[in-house]
Amino acid sequence: MGALGDEELLAEMRSALEQVQAESDRVARQVRETKTTVQDKERRLSVTVGGQGELLQLTFHGDGYRRLAPAELANLIVTSVEKARDDALRKLMAGTAALADDLPRLHDTARQATSIDELIEGIAGVVGAAGDRRPGRRRTA
């Protein structure tokens, strides 16, 4: 094998897996706990959706919505729900960006490896570099 010993390499890979699992758990928890609320421009109604875009609450404010034709009210509800879902999706995507940062490099490493040893060393290199970039980690030369 290369510069890393088998035990050290396995420890690095376990650590990387634990980090990915922790980040994945954090994102899943964020999705479960997140709520996004939007209100239409005229403040006639507000819509609250969960982290996966599920409709949680629809609240009418005042009686301005009563002056709308049924088709207008339906359109207002649909567009407000769509806006809330889009906002929730943007929050979700921002939260998962860190989780997906190293996927292209891992894919390239796997495609270019010509042996198992080279693959493992390549993965360890990507994981080590990712660990150096995580908050609270000092980079050593």
N, C-alpha and C. Protein backbone atom coordinates (compact mmCIF):
# COMPACT_ATOMS: atom_id res chain seq x y z
N MET A 1 0.83 -1.17 0.00
CA MET A 1 0.00 0.00 0.00
C MET A 1 0.88 1.24 0.00
N GLY A 2 0.31 2.43 -0.13
CA GLY A 2 1.08 3.66 -0.24
C GLY A 2 1.51 4.21 1.09
N ALA A 3 1.46 5.55 1.23
CA ALA A 3 1.98 6.24 2.40
C ALA A 3 1.19 5.95 3.66
N LEU A 4 -0.07 5.72 3.54
CA LEU A 4 -0.89 5.46 4.73
C LEU A 4 -0.92 3.97 5.03
N GLY A 5 -0.81 3.60 6.29
CA GLY A 5 -0.94 2.21 6.68
C GLY A 5 -2.40 1.79 6.64
N ASP A 6 -2.65 0.48 6.60
CA ASP A 6 -4.01 -0.03 6.51
C ASP A 6 -4.89 0.46 7.65
N GLU A 7 -4.41 0.38 8.89
CA GLU A 7 -5.21 0.80 10.04
C GLU A 7 -5.51 2.28 10.01
N GLU A 8 -4.51 3.07 9.68
CA GLU A 8 -4.69 4.52 9.61
C GLU A 8 -5.68 4.87 8.50
N LEU A 9 -5.58 4.19 7.38
CA LEU A 9 -6.48 4.43 6.27
C LEU A 9 -7.92 4.08 6.64
N LEU A 10 -8.11 2.93 7.30
CA LEU A 10 -9.45 2.55 7.75
C LEU A 10 -10.01 3.56 8.74
N ALA A 11 -9.17 4.04 9.64
CA ALA A 11 -9.62 5.04 10.62
C ALA A 11 -10.04 6.33 9.91
N GLU A 12 -9.29 6.75 8.90
CA GLU A 12 -9.64 7.95 8.12
C GLU A 12 -10.97 7.76 7.41
N MET A 13 -11.16 6.58 6.83
CA MET A 13 -12.41 6.32 6.10
C MET A 13 -13.60 6.25 7.06
N ARG A 14 -13.41 5.65 8.23
CA ARG A 14 -14.49 5.62 9.23
C ARG A 14 -14.84 7.02 9.68
N SER A 15 -13.82 7.82 9.92
CA SER A 15 -14.03 9.20 10.34
C SER A 15 -14.80 9.98 9.27
N ALA A 16 -14.42 9.77 8.01
CA ALA A 16 -15.10 10.46 6.91
C ALA A 16 -16.56 10.02 6.83
N LEU A 17 -16.80 8.74 6.99
CA LEU A 17 -18.16 8.23 6.95
C LEU A 17 -18.98 8.82 8.10
N GLU A 18 -18.39 8.91 9.28
CA GLU A 18 -19.08 9.50 10.43
C GLU A 18 -19.40 10.96 10.18
N GLN A 19 -18.49 11.68 9.55
CA GLN A 19 -18.72 13.09 9.24
C GLN A 19 -19.86 13.25 8.24
N VAL A 20 -19.86 12.42 7.21
CA VAL A 20 -20.93 12.47 6.21
C VAL A 20 -22.27 12.11 6.86
N GLN A 21 -22.27 11.09 7.72
CA GLN A 21 -23.51 10.68 8.40
C GLN A 21 -24.01 11.80 9.31
N ALA A 22 -23.12 12.45 10.04
CA ALA A 22 -23.51 13.54 10.93
C ALA A 22 -24.10 14.70 10.13
N GLU A 23 -23.49 15.03 9.01
CA GLU A 23 -23.99 16.11 8.16
C GLU A 23 -25.34 15.73 7.56
N SER A 24 -25.47 14.48 7.14
CA SER A 24 -26.74 13.99 6.60
C SER A 24 -27.85 14.05 7.66
N ASP A 25 -27.52 13.64 8.88
CA ASP A 25 -28.48 13.71 9.98
C ASP A 25 -28.89 15.15 10.27
N ARG A 26 -27.92 16.06 10.21
CA ARG A 26 -28.20 17.48 10.44
C ARG A 26 -29.17 18.02 9.40
N VAL A 27 -28.94 17.68 8.13
CA VAL A 27 -29.81 18.14 7.05
C VAL A 27 -31.21 17.55 7.22
N ALA A 28 -31.31 16.26 7.55
CA ALA A 28 -32.61 15.62 7.75
C ALA A 28 -33.37 16.28 8.90
N ARG A 29 -32.67 16.58 9.98
CA ARG A 29 -33.29 17.24 11.13
C ARG A 29 -33.76 18.64 10.74
N GLN A 30 -32.95 19.34 9.97
CA GLN A 30 -33.31 20.68 9.51
C GLN A 30 -34.57 20.62 8.65
N VAL A 31 -34.66 19.64 7.78
CA VAL A 31 -35.84 19.49 6.92
C VAL A 31 -37.08 19.26 7.78
N ARG A 32 -36.96 18.39 8.78
CA ARG A 32 -38.11 18.08 9.65
C ARG A 32 -38.57 19.30 10.45
N GLU A 33 -37.63 20.14 10.86
CA GLU A 33 -37.93 21.24 11.76
C GLU A 33 -38.24 22.55 11.05
N THR A 34 -37.87 22.68 9.79
CA THR A 34 -38.01 23.93 9.08
C THR A 34 -39.45 24.21 8.68
N LYS A 35 -39.83 25.46 8.87
CA LYS A 35 -41.12 25.94 8.39
C LYS A 35 -40.85 27.23 7.62
N THR A 36 -41.55 27.39 6.51
CA THR A 36 -41.40 28.59 5.71
C THR A 36 -42.77 29.21 5.54
N THR A 37 -42.88 30.51 5.85
CA THR A 37 -44.14 31.21 5.73
C THR A 37 -43.98 32.37 4.75
N VAL A 38 -44.92 32.50 3.84
CA VAL A 38 -44.96 33.64 2.93
C VAL A 38 -46.33 34.28 3.02
N GLN A 39 -46.36 35.58 2.73
CA GLN A 39 -47.60 36.32 2.74
C GLN A 39 -47.73 37.02 1.39
N ASP A 40 -48.94 37.08 0.87
CA ASP A 40 -49.11 37.74 -0.43
C ASP A 40 -48.87 39.24 -0.27
N LYS A 41 -48.69 39.94 -1.39
CA LYS A 41 -48.32 41.36 -1.36
C LYS A 41 -49.36 42.23 -0.67
N GLU A 42 -50.61 41.90 -0.85
CA GLU A 42 -51.69 42.69 -0.24
C GLU A 42 -52.00 42.23 1.19
N ARG A 43 -51.27 41.25 1.67
CA ARG A 43 -51.40 40.73 3.04
C ARG A 43 -52.81 40.21 3.33
N ARG A 44 -53.37 39.52 2.35
CA ARG A 44 -54.69 38.92 2.55
C ARG A 44 -54.59 37.52 3.12
N LEU A 45 -53.46 36.85 2.81
CA LEU A 45 -53.29 35.50 3.34
C LEU A 45 -51.83 35.17 3.50
N SER A 46 -51.57 34.21 4.37
CA SER A 46 -50.21 33.68 4.53
C SER A 46 -50.29 32.17 4.46
N VAL A 47 -49.20 31.60 3.97
CA VAL A 47 -49.10 30.16 3.77
C VAL A 47 -47.83 29.69 4.47
N THR A 48 -47.95 28.61 5.22
CA THR A 48 -46.80 28.00 5.89
C THR A 48 -46.64 26.57 5.38
N VAL A 49 -45.40 26.25 4.95
CA VAL A 49 -45.09 24.89 4.49
C VAL A 49 -43.95 24.34 5.34
N GLY A 50 -43.87 23.01 5.39
CA GLY A 50 -42.79 22.34 6.08
C GLY A 50 -41.55 22.25 5.21
N GLY A 51 -40.53 21.61 5.74
CA GLY A 51 -39.25 21.51 5.06
C GLY A 51 -39.29 20.77 3.74
N GLN A 52 -40.29 19.91 3.54
CA GLN A 52 -40.42 19.20 2.28
C GLN A 52 -41.50 19.81 1.39
N GLY A 53 -41.97 21.01 1.76
CA GLY A 53 -42.95 21.71 0.96
C GLY A 53 -44.39 21.34 1.27
N GLU A 54 -44.62 20.52 2.30
CA GLU A 54 -45.98 20.13 2.63
C GLU A 54 -46.72 21.31 3.26
N LEU A 55 -47.96 21.50 2.86
CA LEU A 55 -48.77 22.60 3.35
C LEU A 55 -49.13 22.34 4.81
N LEU A 56 -48.74 23.28 5.69
CA LEU A 56 -49.01 23.13 7.12
C LEU A 56 -50.13 24.06 7.59
N GLN A 57 -50.18 25.26 6.99
CA GLN A 57 -51.15 26.22 7.47
C GLN A 57 -51.49 27.22 6.37
N LEU A 58 -52.74 27.61 6.32
CA LEU A 58 -53.24 28.63 5.40
C LEU A 58 -54.05 29.58 6.27
N THR A 59 -53.62 30.85 6.34
CA THR A 59 -54.29 31.81 7.22
C THR A 59 -54.75 33.01 6.40
N PHE A 60 -56.04 33.35 6.56
CA PHE A 60 -56.59 34.54 5.91
C PHE A 60 -56.52 35.70 6.90
N HIS A 61 -56.09 36.87 6.42
CA HIS A 61 -55.96 38.07 7.26
C HIS A 61 -57.01 39.08 6.80
N GLY A 62 -57.80 39.55 7.74
CA GLY A 62 -58.85 40.50 7.40
C GLY A 62 -59.91 39.85 6.54
N ASP A 63 -60.61 40.69 5.77
CA ASP A 63 -61.65 40.14 4.90
C ASP A 63 -61.44 40.54 3.44
N GLY A 64 -60.26 41.03 3.11
CA GLY A 64 -59.95 41.42 1.73
C GLY A 64 -60.09 40.27 0.74
N TYR A 65 -59.83 39.06 1.18
CA TYR A 65 -59.95 37.89 0.30
C TYR A 65 -61.39 37.66 -0.13
N ARG A 66 -62.36 38.17 0.63
CA ARG A 66 -63.79 37.96 0.31
C ARG A 66 -64.21 38.72 -0.94
N ARG A 67 -63.48 39.76 -1.27
CA ARG A 67 -63.81 40.55 -2.46
C ARG A 67 -63.24 39.94 -3.74
N LEU A 68 -62.48 38.87 -3.62
CA LEU A 68 -61.91 38.22 -4.79
C LEU A 68 -62.91 37.24 -5.40
N ALA A 69 -62.86 37.15 -6.71
CA ALA A 69 -63.66 36.13 -7.40
C ALA A 69 -63.07 34.77 -7.03
N PRO A 70 -63.86 33.72 -7.05
CA PRO A 70 -63.36 32.38 -6.69
C PRO A 70 -62.09 31.99 -7.44
N ALA A 71 -62.03 32.28 -8.73
CA ALA A 71 -60.84 31.92 -9.52
C ALA A 71 -59.63 32.73 -9.06
N GLU A 72 -59.84 34.01 -8.72
CA GLU A 72 -58.74 34.84 -8.23
C GLU A 72 -58.23 34.34 -6.87
N LEU A 73 -59.16 33.99 -5.98
CA LEU A 73 -58.78 33.46 -4.67
C LEU A 73 -58.01 32.15 -4.83
N ALA A 74 -58.51 31.28 -5.69
CA ALA A 74 -57.82 30.01 -5.94
C ALA A 74 -56.41 30.26 -6.47
N ASN A 75 -56.26 31.19 -7.41
CA ASN A 75 -54.95 31.51 -7.97
C ASN A 75 -54.03 32.09 -6.90
N LEU A 76 -54.57 32.96 -6.03
CA LEU A 76 -53.78 33.54 -4.95
C LEU A 76 -53.27 32.45 -4.01
N ILE A 77 -54.11 31.50 -3.69
CA ILE A 77 -53.70 30.40 -2.82
C ILE A 77 -52.62 29.56 -3.49
N VAL A 78 -52.85 29.19 -4.74
CA VAL A 78 -51.90 28.33 -5.45
C VAL A 78 -50.55 29.04 -5.61
N THR A 79 -50.54 30.30 -6.01
CA THR A 79 -49.26 31.00 -6.21
C THR A 79 -48.54 31.21 -4.88
N SER A 80 -49.30 31.44 -3.80
CA SER A 80 -48.67 31.61 -2.48
C SER A 80 -48.05 30.30 -2.01
N VAL A 81 -48.74 29.19 -2.21
CA VAL A 81 -48.20 27.88 -1.83
C VAL A 81 -46.94 27.59 -2.66
N GLU A 82 -47.00 27.87 -3.96
CA GLU A 82 -45.82 27.64 -4.82
C GLU A 82 -44.63 28.47 -4.35
N LYS A 83 -44.86 29.73 -3.99
CA LYS A 83 -43.78 30.60 -3.51
C LYS A 83 -43.19 30.05 -2.21
N ALA A 84 -44.05 29.63 -1.29
CA ALA A 84 -43.56 29.07 -0.03
C ALA A 84 -42.76 27.80 -0.28
N ARG A 85 -43.24 26.95 -1.18
CA ARG A 85 -42.51 25.72 -1.51
C ARG A 85 -41.16 26.03 -2.14
N ASP A 86 -41.13 27.00 -3.06
CA ASP A 86 -39.86 27.40 -3.68
C ASP A 86 -38.88 27.91 -2.63
N ASP A 87 -39.37 28.74 -1.71
CA ASP A 87 -38.50 29.25 -0.65
C ASP A 87 -37.98 28.11 0.23
N ALA A 88 -38.85 27.16 0.57
CA ALA A 88 -38.44 26.01 1.37
C ALA A 88 -37.39 25.18 0.64
N LEU A 89 -37.57 24.99 -0.66
CA LEU A 89 -36.61 24.23 -1.45
C LEU A 89 -35.26 24.94 -1.50
N ARG A 90 -35.28 26.26 -1.63
CA ARG A 90 -34.02 27.02 -1.63
C ARG A 90 -33.28 26.84 -0.30
N LYS A 91 -34.02 26.87 0.81
CA LYS A 91 -33.41 26.65 2.12
C LYS A 91 -32.80 25.25 2.20
N LEU A 92 -33.54 24.27 1.71
CA LEU A 92 -33.06 22.88 1.74
C LEU A 92 -31.80 22.73 0.91
N MET A 93 -31.79 23.31 -0.28
CA MET A 93 -30.63 23.19 -1.16
C MET A 93 -29.41 23.88 -0.55
N ALA A 94 -29.61 25.01 0.09
CA ALA A 94 -28.50 25.70 0.74
C ALA A 94 -27.94 24.83 1.87
N GLY A 95 -28.82 24.14 2.57
CA GLY A 95 -28.38 23.28 3.67
C GLY A 95 -27.64 22.05 3.22
N THR A 96 -27.94 21.56 2.02
CA THR A 96 -27.29 20.35 1.54
C THR A 96 -26.05 20.63 0.70
N ALA A 97 -25.78 21.90 0.41
CA ALA A 97 -24.63 22.23 -0.44
C ALA A 97 -23.33 21.69 0.15
N ALA A 98 -23.14 21.85 1.44
CA ALA A 98 -21.91 21.38 2.08
C ALA A 98 -21.78 19.87 1.97
N LEU A 99 -22.91 19.18 2.05
CA LEU A 99 -22.89 17.73 1.99
C LEU A 99 -22.43 17.23 0.62
N ALA A 100 -22.73 17.98 -0.43
CA ALA A 100 -22.43 17.53 -1.78
C ALA A 100 -21.15 18.12 -2.36
N ASP A 101 -20.46 18.97 -1.61
CA ASP A 101 -19.27 19.64 -2.15
C ASP A 101 -18.24 18.71 -2.76
N ASP A 102 -17.96 17.58 -2.11
CA ASP A 102 -16.86 16.72 -2.55
C ASP A 102 -17.30 15.58 -3.48
N LEU A 103 -18.59 15.49 -3.80
CA LEU A 103 -19.05 14.39 -4.65
C LEU A 103 -18.39 14.36 -6.03
N PRO A 104 -18.23 15.49 -6.72
CA PRO A 104 -17.55 15.42 -8.03
C PRO A 104 -16.12 14.89 -7.93
N ARG A 105 -15.39 15.31 -6.90
CA ARG A 105 -14.01 14.84 -6.74
C ARG A 105 -13.97 13.35 -6.43
N LEU A 106 -14.92 12.87 -5.61
CA LEU A 106 -14.97 11.44 -5.31
C LEU A 106 -15.30 10.64 -6.57
N HIS A 107 -16.20 11.16 -7.36
CA HIS A 107 -16.58 10.48 -8.61
C HIS A 107 -15.37 10.40 -9.54
N ASP A 108 -14.66 11.51 -9.71
CA ASP A 108 -13.47 11.52 -10.57
C ASP A 108 -12.40 10.56 -10.06
N THR A 109 -12.21 10.52 -8.74
CA THR A 109 -11.23 9.62 -8.14
C THR A 109 -11.58 8.17 -8.45
N ALA A 110 -12.86 7.83 -8.29
CA ALA A 110 -13.30 6.45 -8.55
C ALA A 110 -13.13 6.09 -10.02
N ARG A 111 -13.42 7.00 -10.91
CA ARG A 111 -13.31 6.72 -12.35
C ARG A 111 -11.86 6.56 -12.80
N GLN A 112 -10.95 7.29 -12.19
CA GLN A 112 -9.57 7.30 -12.66
C GLN A 112 -8.69 6.26 -11.98
N ALA A 113 -9.17 5.66 -10.91
CA ALA A 113 -8.35 4.68 -10.18
C ALA A 113 -8.11 3.44 -11.04
N THR A 114 -6.90 2.92 -10.99
CA THR A 114 -6.57 1.72 -11.76
C THR A 114 -6.40 0.50 -10.87
N SER A 115 -6.50 0.71 -9.54
CA SER A 115 -6.41 -0.41 -8.60
C SER A 115 -7.19 -0.05 -7.35
N ILE A 116 -7.47 -1.05 -6.53
CA ILE A 116 -8.16 -0.82 -5.26
C ILE A 116 -7.31 0.09 -4.36
N ASP A 117 -6.00 -0.17 -4.31
CA ASP A 117 -5.13 0.66 -3.48
C ASP A 117 -5.19 2.12 -3.92
N GLU A 118 -5.15 2.35 -5.22
CA GLU A 118 -5.21 3.71 -5.74
C GLU A 118 -6.56 4.35 -5.42
N LEU A 119 -7.61 3.58 -5.51
CA LEU A 119 -8.95 4.09 -5.19
C LEU A 119 -9.02 4.50 -3.72
N ILE A 120 -8.56 3.63 -2.83
CA ILE A 120 -8.63 3.91 -1.40
C ILE A 120 -7.76 5.12 -1.05
N GLU A 121 -6.57 5.19 -1.61
CA GLU A 121 -5.71 6.33 -1.34
C GLU A 121 -6.31 7.61 -1.89
N GLY A 122 -6.94 7.53 -3.05
CA GLY A 122 -7.60 8.70 -3.63
C GLY A 122 -8.75 9.19 -2.77
N ILE A 123 -9.56 8.24 -2.28
CA ILE A 123 -10.68 8.61 -1.40
C ILE A 123 -10.14 9.22 -0.11
N ALA A 124 -9.11 8.63 0.44
CA ALA A 124 -8.52 9.18 1.67
C ALA A 124 -8.00 10.59 1.43
N GLY A 125 -7.44 10.85 0.27
CA GLY A 125 -6.96 12.20 -0.05
C GLY A 125 -8.09 13.21 -0.13
N VAL A 126 -9.20 12.82 -0.77
CA VAL A 126 -10.36 13.71 -0.88
C VAL A 126 -10.94 13.97 0.50
N VAL A 127 -11.09 12.90 1.29
CA VAL A 127 -11.66 13.02 2.63
C VAL A 127 -10.75 13.87 3.51
N GLY A 128 -9.45 13.66 3.43
CA GLY A 128 -8.53 14.45 4.23
C GLY A 128 -8.59 15.93 3.87
N ALA A 129 -8.66 16.23 2.60
CA ALA A 129 -8.76 17.63 2.16
C ALA A 129 -10.07 18.25 2.62
N ALA A 130 -11.16 17.49 2.57
CA ALA A 130 -12.46 17.99 3.03
C ALA A 130 -12.42 18.25 4.53
N GLY A 131 -11.78 17.38 5.27
CA GLY A 131 -11.67 17.56 6.72
C GLY A 131 -10.87 18.81 7.07
N ASP A 132 -9.85 19.11 6.27
CA ASP A 132 -9.05 20.30 6.52
C ASP A 132 -9.85 21.58 6.30
N ARG A 133 -10.87 21.51 5.43
CA ARG A 133 -11.69 22.70 5.13
C ARG A 133 -12.83 22.89 6.12
N ARG A 134 -13.16 21.89 6.93
CA ARG A 134 -14.29 22.01 7.85
C ARG A 134 -13.99 23.03 8.93
N PRO A 135 -15.03 23.76 9.37
CA PRO A 135 -14.83 24.76 10.43
C PRO A 135 -14.21 24.12 11.66
N GLY A 136 -13.30 24.86 12.29
CA GLY A 136 -12.68 24.38 13.51
C GLY A 136 -11.48 23.49 13.28
N ARG A 137 -11.16 23.18 12.05
CA ARG A 137 -10.00 22.31 11.75
C ARG A 137 -8.85 23.19 11.29
N ARG A 138 -7.67 22.95 11.83
CA ARG A 138 -6.48 23.68 11.40
C ARG A 138 -5.78 22.89 10.32
N ARG A 139 -5.36 23.57 9.34
CA ARG A 139 -4.61 22.93 8.26
C ARG A 139 -3.15 22.83 8.65
N THR A 140 -2.58 21.65 8.47
CA THR A 140 -1.16 21.47 8.77
C THR A 140 -0.41 21.24 7.48
N ALA A 141 0.80 21.77 7.42
CA ALA A 141 1.58 21.65 6.18
C ALA A 141 2.33 20.36 6.12
